[in-house]
């Protein structure tokens, strides 16, 4: 699998927009346990540039797939997904609302 690690602000916007808070019928806020997965998959949808599943399962990379991140869960073995999740964790950390803000070389 290949992915880009040159993150843009638009990537962060897309990752954070993957989370939708809603209320149940009684007006209580509801947050699902899959929040991290939704954020990670939104990131993966944008940064995966190539993967071997295209040849094996006939599934294009998420950024070019109509199901987008939904195809990740359908084609990736859980061990592969967990390994990928570990690898991109530093990138996902930059996407969070409380992300550290290191000095920019452009400043």
N, C-alpha and C. Protein backbone atom coordinates (compact mmCIF):
# COMPACT_ATOMS: atom_id res chain seq x y z
N UNK A 1 0.84 -1.17 0.00
CA UNK A 1 0.00 0.00 0.00
C UNK A 1 0.88 1.23 0.00
N UNK A 2 0.47 2.21 -0.76
CA UNK A 2 1.18 3.48 -0.79
C UNK A 2 0.20 4.57 -0.38
N UNK A 3 0.72 5.54 0.37
CA UNK A 3 -0.10 6.68 0.75
C UNK A 3 0.78 7.90 0.86
N UNK A 4 0.17 9.05 0.67
CA UNK A 4 0.92 10.30 0.77
C UNK A 4 0.91 10.77 2.23
N UNK A 5 1.96 11.43 2.62
CA UNK A 5 2.01 11.95 3.99
C UNK A 5 2.17 13.46 4.02
N UNK A 6 2.01 14.10 2.88
CA UNK A 6 2.05 15.56 2.82
C UNK A 6 0.64 16.09 3.01
N UNK A 7 0.25 16.18 4.26
CA UNK A 7 -1.12 16.54 4.61
C UNK A 7 -1.40 18.01 4.34
N UNK A 8 -2.63 18.27 3.97
CA UNK A 8 -3.11 19.63 3.70
C UNK A 8 -4.23 19.97 4.68
N UNK A 9 -4.53 21.22 4.80
CA UNK A 9 -5.63 21.64 5.68
C UNK A 9 -6.94 20.99 5.22
N UNK A 10 -7.14 20.84 3.92
CA UNK A 10 -8.36 20.21 3.40
C UNK A 10 -8.50 18.79 3.90
N UNK A 11 -7.38 18.09 4.12
CA UNK A 11 -7.44 16.74 4.67
C UNK A 11 -8.01 16.79 6.09
N UNK A 12 -7.55 17.74 6.87
CA UNK A 12 -8.04 17.88 8.24
C UNK A 12 -9.53 18.21 8.25
N UNK A 13 -9.94 19.10 7.37
CA UNK A 13 -11.36 19.46 7.30
C UNK A 13 -12.20 18.23 6.99
N UNK A 14 -11.76 17.43 6.02
CA UNK A 14 -12.52 16.23 5.62
C UNK A 14 -12.58 15.21 6.76
N UNK A 15 -11.48 15.04 7.47
CA UNK A 15 -11.44 14.09 8.58
C UNK A 15 -12.39 14.53 9.68
N UNK A 16 -12.34 15.80 10.04
CA UNK A 16 -13.21 16.28 11.11
C UNK A 16 -14.68 16.29 10.69
N UNK A 17 -14.95 16.50 9.41
CA UNK A 17 -16.34 16.49 8.93
C UNK A 17 -16.91 15.08 8.85
N UNK A 18 -16.07 14.06 9.00
CA UNK A 18 -16.56 12.67 8.98
C UNK A 18 -17.37 12.36 10.23
N UNK A 19 -17.23 13.18 11.26
CA UNK A 19 -17.93 12.96 12.51
C UNK A 19 -19.16 13.85 12.58
N UNK A 20 -20.29 13.23 12.84
CA UNK A 20 -21.55 13.96 12.98
C UNK A 20 -22.14 13.61 14.34
N UNK A 21 -22.35 14.62 15.15
CA UNK A 21 -22.98 14.41 16.44
C UNK A 21 -24.48 14.60 16.26
N UNK A 22 -25.26 13.71 16.82
CA UNK A 22 -26.70 13.87 16.74
C UNK A 22 -27.33 13.59 18.09
N UNK A 23 -28.62 13.70 18.13
CA UNK A 23 -29.36 13.48 19.37
C UNK A 23 -30.37 12.36 19.16
N UNK A 24 -30.58 11.58 20.23
CA UNK A 24 -31.59 10.53 20.14
C UNK A 24 -32.97 11.15 20.37
N UNK A 25 -33.99 10.35 20.39
CA UNK A 25 -35.37 10.85 20.51
C UNK A 25 -35.61 11.64 21.79
N UNK A 26 -34.83 11.35 22.83
CA UNK A 26 -35.02 12.05 24.10
C UNK A 26 -34.18 13.34 24.17
N UNK A 27 -33.42 13.64 23.10
CA UNK A 27 -32.63 14.86 23.08
C UNK A 27 -31.22 14.71 23.61
N UNK A 28 -30.85 13.49 24.00
CA UNK A 28 -29.49 13.26 24.49
C UNK A 28 -28.53 13.15 23.32
N UNK A 29 -27.32 13.68 23.50
CA UNK A 29 -26.30 13.56 22.47
C UNK A 29 -25.88 12.11 22.32
N UNK A 30 -25.60 11.73 21.09
CA UNK A 30 -25.19 10.36 20.79
C UNK A 30 -23.85 10.40 20.07
N UNK A 31 -22.93 9.62 20.56
CA UNK A 31 -21.63 9.47 19.90
C UNK A 31 -21.39 7.98 19.76
N UNK A 32 -21.09 7.53 18.55
CA UNK A 32 -20.85 6.10 18.36
C UNK A 32 -19.41 5.75 18.72
N UNK A 33 -19.18 4.50 19.00
CA UNK A 33 -17.84 4.02 19.32
C UNK A 33 -16.92 4.00 18.10
N UNK A 34 -17.47 4.21 16.93
CA UNK A 34 -16.67 4.15 15.70
C UNK A 34 -16.11 5.49 15.27
N UNK A 35 -16.12 6.47 16.16
CA UNK A 35 -15.65 7.80 15.79
C UNK A 35 -14.22 7.79 15.26
N UNK A 36 -13.32 7.11 15.92
CA UNK A 36 -11.93 7.04 15.47
C UNK A 36 -11.83 6.37 14.10
N UNK A 37 -12.59 5.30 13.91
CA UNK A 37 -12.56 4.61 12.61
C UNK A 37 -13.06 5.53 11.51
N UNK A 38 -14.12 6.28 11.77
CA UNK A 38 -14.65 7.20 10.75
C UNK A 38 -13.61 8.25 10.39
N UNK A 39 -12.94 8.78 11.39
CA UNK A 39 -11.91 9.79 11.12
C UNK A 39 -10.74 9.18 10.36
N UNK A 40 -10.28 8.02 10.81
CA UNK A 40 -9.16 7.36 10.14
C UNK A 40 -9.51 7.01 8.70
N UNK A 41 -10.70 6.47 8.50
CA UNK A 41 -11.10 6.07 7.15
C UNK A 41 -11.27 7.28 6.23
N UNK A 42 -11.74 8.39 6.78
CA UNK A 42 -11.84 9.61 5.98
C UNK A 42 -10.45 10.06 5.55
N UNK A 43 -9.48 9.91 6.44
CA UNK A 43 -8.10 10.25 6.09
C UNK A 43 -7.57 9.28 5.04
N UNK A 44 -7.76 7.98 5.26
CA UNK A 44 -7.27 6.98 4.32
C UNK A 44 -7.88 7.17 2.93
N UNK A 45 -9.13 7.53 2.90
CA UNK A 45 -9.82 7.77 1.62
C UNK A 45 -9.09 8.83 0.81
N UNK A 46 -8.51 9.79 1.49
CA UNK A 46 -7.83 10.89 0.80
C UNK A 46 -6.38 10.61 0.49
N UNK A 47 -5.70 9.79 1.33
CA UNK A 47 -4.24 9.68 1.17
C UNK A 47 -3.76 8.40 0.51
N UNK A 48 -4.58 7.35 0.44
CA UNK A 48 -4.12 6.11 -0.21
C UNK A 48 -3.99 6.37 -1.70
N UNK A 49 -2.80 6.16 -2.22
CA UNK A 49 -2.56 6.41 -3.64
C UNK A 49 -2.47 5.13 -4.46
N UNK A 50 -2.20 4.01 -3.81
CA UNK A 50 -2.14 2.72 -4.51
C UNK A 50 -2.24 1.62 -3.48
N UNK A 51 -2.81 0.48 -3.92
CA UNK A 51 -2.83 -0.70 -3.07
C UNK A 51 -2.98 -1.94 -3.92
N UNK A 52 -2.60 -3.09 -3.36
CA UNK A 52 -2.62 -4.34 -4.12
C UNK A 52 -4.02 -4.91 -4.28
N UNK A 53 -4.99 -4.42 -3.54
CA UNK A 53 -6.35 -4.94 -3.66
C UNK A 53 -6.94 -4.68 -5.04
N UNK A 54 -6.44 -3.67 -5.71
CA UNK A 54 -6.92 -3.36 -7.05
C UNK A 54 -6.77 -4.57 -7.96
N UNK A 55 -5.65 -5.27 -7.82
CA UNK A 55 -5.40 -6.45 -8.64
C UNK A 55 -6.12 -7.68 -8.09
N UNK A 56 -6.07 -7.85 -6.76
CA UNK A 56 -6.64 -9.04 -6.13
C UNK A 56 -8.16 -9.07 -6.13
N UNK A 57 -8.77 -7.96 -5.77
CA UNK A 57 -10.22 -7.97 -5.59
C UNK A 57 -10.95 -7.09 -6.61
N UNK A 58 -10.20 -6.48 -7.52
CA UNK A 58 -10.83 -5.63 -8.51
C UNK A 58 -11.42 -4.35 -7.94
N UNK A 59 -10.90 -3.89 -6.79
CA UNK A 59 -11.42 -2.70 -6.13
C UNK A 59 -10.42 -1.56 -6.29
N UNK A 60 -10.83 -0.45 -6.90
CA UNK A 60 -9.89 0.67 -7.03
C UNK A 60 -9.60 1.31 -5.67
N UNK A 61 -8.53 2.08 -5.61
CA UNK A 61 -8.16 2.73 -4.35
C UNK A 61 -9.31 3.63 -3.91
N UNK A 62 -9.47 3.83 -2.60
CA UNK A 62 -10.63 4.57 -2.07
C UNK A 62 -10.85 5.94 -2.71
N UNK A 63 -9.78 6.67 -3.00
CA UNK A 63 -9.95 8.01 -3.56
C UNK A 63 -10.59 7.98 -4.95
N UNK A 64 -10.55 6.81 -5.60
CA UNK A 64 -11.16 6.67 -6.93
C UNK A 64 -12.32 5.69 -6.92
N UNK A 65 -12.79 5.32 -5.75
CA UNK A 65 -13.86 4.33 -5.63
C UNK A 65 -15.15 5.03 -5.24
N UNK A 66 -16.23 4.67 -5.87
CA UNK A 66 -17.50 5.32 -5.60
C UNK A 66 -17.92 5.16 -4.14
N UNK A 67 -17.55 4.07 -3.50
CA UNK A 67 -17.88 3.85 -2.09
C UNK A 67 -16.90 4.54 -1.15
N UNK A 68 -15.87 5.13 -1.72
CA UNK A 68 -14.83 5.82 -0.95
C UNK A 68 -14.30 4.94 0.18
N UNK A 69 -14.31 5.45 1.41
CA UNK A 69 -13.73 4.72 2.53
C UNK A 69 -14.49 3.44 2.85
N UNK A 70 -15.74 3.34 2.40
CA UNK A 70 -16.52 2.13 2.66
C UNK A 70 -15.87 0.89 2.09
N UNK A 71 -15.11 1.04 1.01
CA UNK A 71 -14.48 -0.13 0.42
C UNK A 71 -13.32 -0.64 1.28
N UNK A 72 -12.76 0.20 2.14
CA UNK A 72 -11.64 -0.22 2.98
C UNK A 72 -12.06 -1.39 3.86
N UNK A 73 -13.18 -1.25 4.53
CA UNK A 73 -13.65 -2.30 5.42
C UNK A 73 -14.08 -3.56 4.71
N UNK A 74 -14.47 -3.44 3.46
CA UNK A 74 -14.92 -4.60 2.71
C UNK A 74 -13.78 -5.44 2.15
N UNK A 75 -12.65 -4.82 1.84
CA UNK A 75 -11.57 -5.58 1.19
C UNK A 75 -10.36 -5.84 2.08
N UNK A 76 -10.16 -5.02 3.12
CA UNK A 76 -8.96 -5.19 3.94
C UNK A 76 -9.17 -6.22 5.04
N UNK A 77 -8.22 -7.12 5.15
CA UNK A 77 -8.15 -8.06 6.26
C UNK A 77 -7.95 -7.24 7.54
N UNK A 78 -8.51 -7.68 8.65
CA UNK A 78 -8.43 -6.92 9.90
C UNK A 78 -6.99 -6.71 10.35
N UNK A 79 -6.12 -7.69 10.15
CA UNK A 79 -4.71 -7.53 10.53
C UNK A 79 -4.04 -6.46 9.68
N UNK A 80 -4.36 -6.44 8.38
CA UNK A 80 -3.80 -5.41 7.49
C UNK A 80 -4.30 -4.03 7.92
N UNK A 81 -5.59 -3.95 8.24
CA UNK A 81 -6.16 -2.67 8.65
C UNK A 81 -5.51 -2.18 9.94
N UNK A 82 -5.35 -3.08 10.91
CA UNK A 82 -4.74 -2.68 12.18
C UNK A 82 -3.30 -2.20 11.98
N UNK A 83 -2.56 -2.87 11.10
CA UNK A 83 -1.19 -2.45 10.79
C UNK A 83 -1.19 -1.07 10.16
N UNK A 84 -2.08 -0.87 9.19
CA UNK A 84 -2.18 0.43 8.53
C UNK A 84 -2.59 1.51 9.53
N UNK A 85 -3.53 1.19 10.40
CA UNK A 85 -3.99 2.15 11.41
C UNK A 85 -2.82 2.60 12.28
N UNK A 86 -1.96 1.67 12.67
CA UNK A 86 -0.78 2.03 13.46
C UNK A 86 0.15 2.95 12.68
N UNK A 87 0.36 2.63 11.40
CA UNK A 87 1.28 3.43 10.58
C UNK A 87 0.81 4.85 10.38
N UNK A 88 -0.49 5.03 10.23
CA UNK A 88 -1.00 6.39 9.95
C UNK A 88 -1.41 7.13 11.21
N UNK A 89 -1.25 6.54 12.37
CA UNK A 89 -1.64 7.20 13.62
C UNK A 89 -0.99 8.57 13.78
N UNK A 90 0.32 8.74 13.46
CA UNK A 90 0.90 10.08 13.57
C UNK A 90 0.21 11.09 12.65
N UNK A 91 -0.23 10.65 11.48
CA UNK A 91 -0.94 11.54 10.57
C UNK A 91 -2.32 11.87 11.12
N UNK A 92 -2.99 10.88 11.68
CA UNK A 92 -4.32 11.09 12.24
C UNK A 92 -4.25 12.04 13.43
N UNK A 93 -3.19 11.97 14.20
CA UNK A 93 -3.01 12.87 15.34
C UNK A 93 -3.04 14.32 14.89
N UNK A 94 -2.49 14.61 13.71
CA UNK A 94 -2.50 15.97 13.19
C UNK A 94 -3.90 16.43 12.79
N UNK A 95 -4.81 15.49 12.62
CA UNK A 95 -6.16 15.80 12.18
C UNK A 95 -7.09 16.12 13.33
N UNK A 96 -6.73 15.74 14.53
CA UNK A 96 -7.61 15.91 15.69
C UNK A 96 -7.74 17.37 16.08
N UNK A 97 -8.83 17.68 16.78
CA UNK A 97 -9.09 19.05 17.20
C UNK A 97 -7.99 19.54 18.15
N UNK A 98 -7.42 18.64 18.92
CA UNK A 98 -6.39 19.02 19.89
C UNK A 98 -5.00 18.69 19.38
N UNK A 99 -4.82 18.72 18.07
CA UNK A 99 -3.53 18.36 17.47
C UNK A 99 -2.44 19.32 17.92
N UNK A 100 -1.25 18.78 18.16
CA UNK A 100 -0.12 19.67 18.49
C UNK A 100 0.16 20.58 17.30
N UNK A 101 0.62 21.76 17.55
CA UNK A 101 0.87 22.70 16.49
C UNK A 101 2.34 23.10 16.47
N UNK A 102 3.18 22.27 15.82
CA UNK A 102 4.60 22.60 15.78
C UNK A 102 4.84 23.86 14.95
N UNK A 103 5.93 24.57 15.20
CA UNK A 103 6.21 25.77 14.42
C UNK A 103 6.32 25.43 12.94
N UNK A 104 5.80 26.28 12.11
CA UNK A 104 5.85 26.07 10.67
C UNK A 104 7.11 26.68 10.10
N UNK A 105 7.69 26.02 9.13
CA UNK A 105 8.88 26.57 8.48
C UNK A 105 8.51 27.78 7.61
N UNK A 106 7.21 27.92 7.31
CA UNK A 106 6.75 29.04 6.49
C UNK A 106 6.52 30.28 7.31
N UNK A 107 6.54 30.17 8.64
CA UNK A 107 6.24 31.32 9.50
C UNK A 107 7.41 32.27 9.59
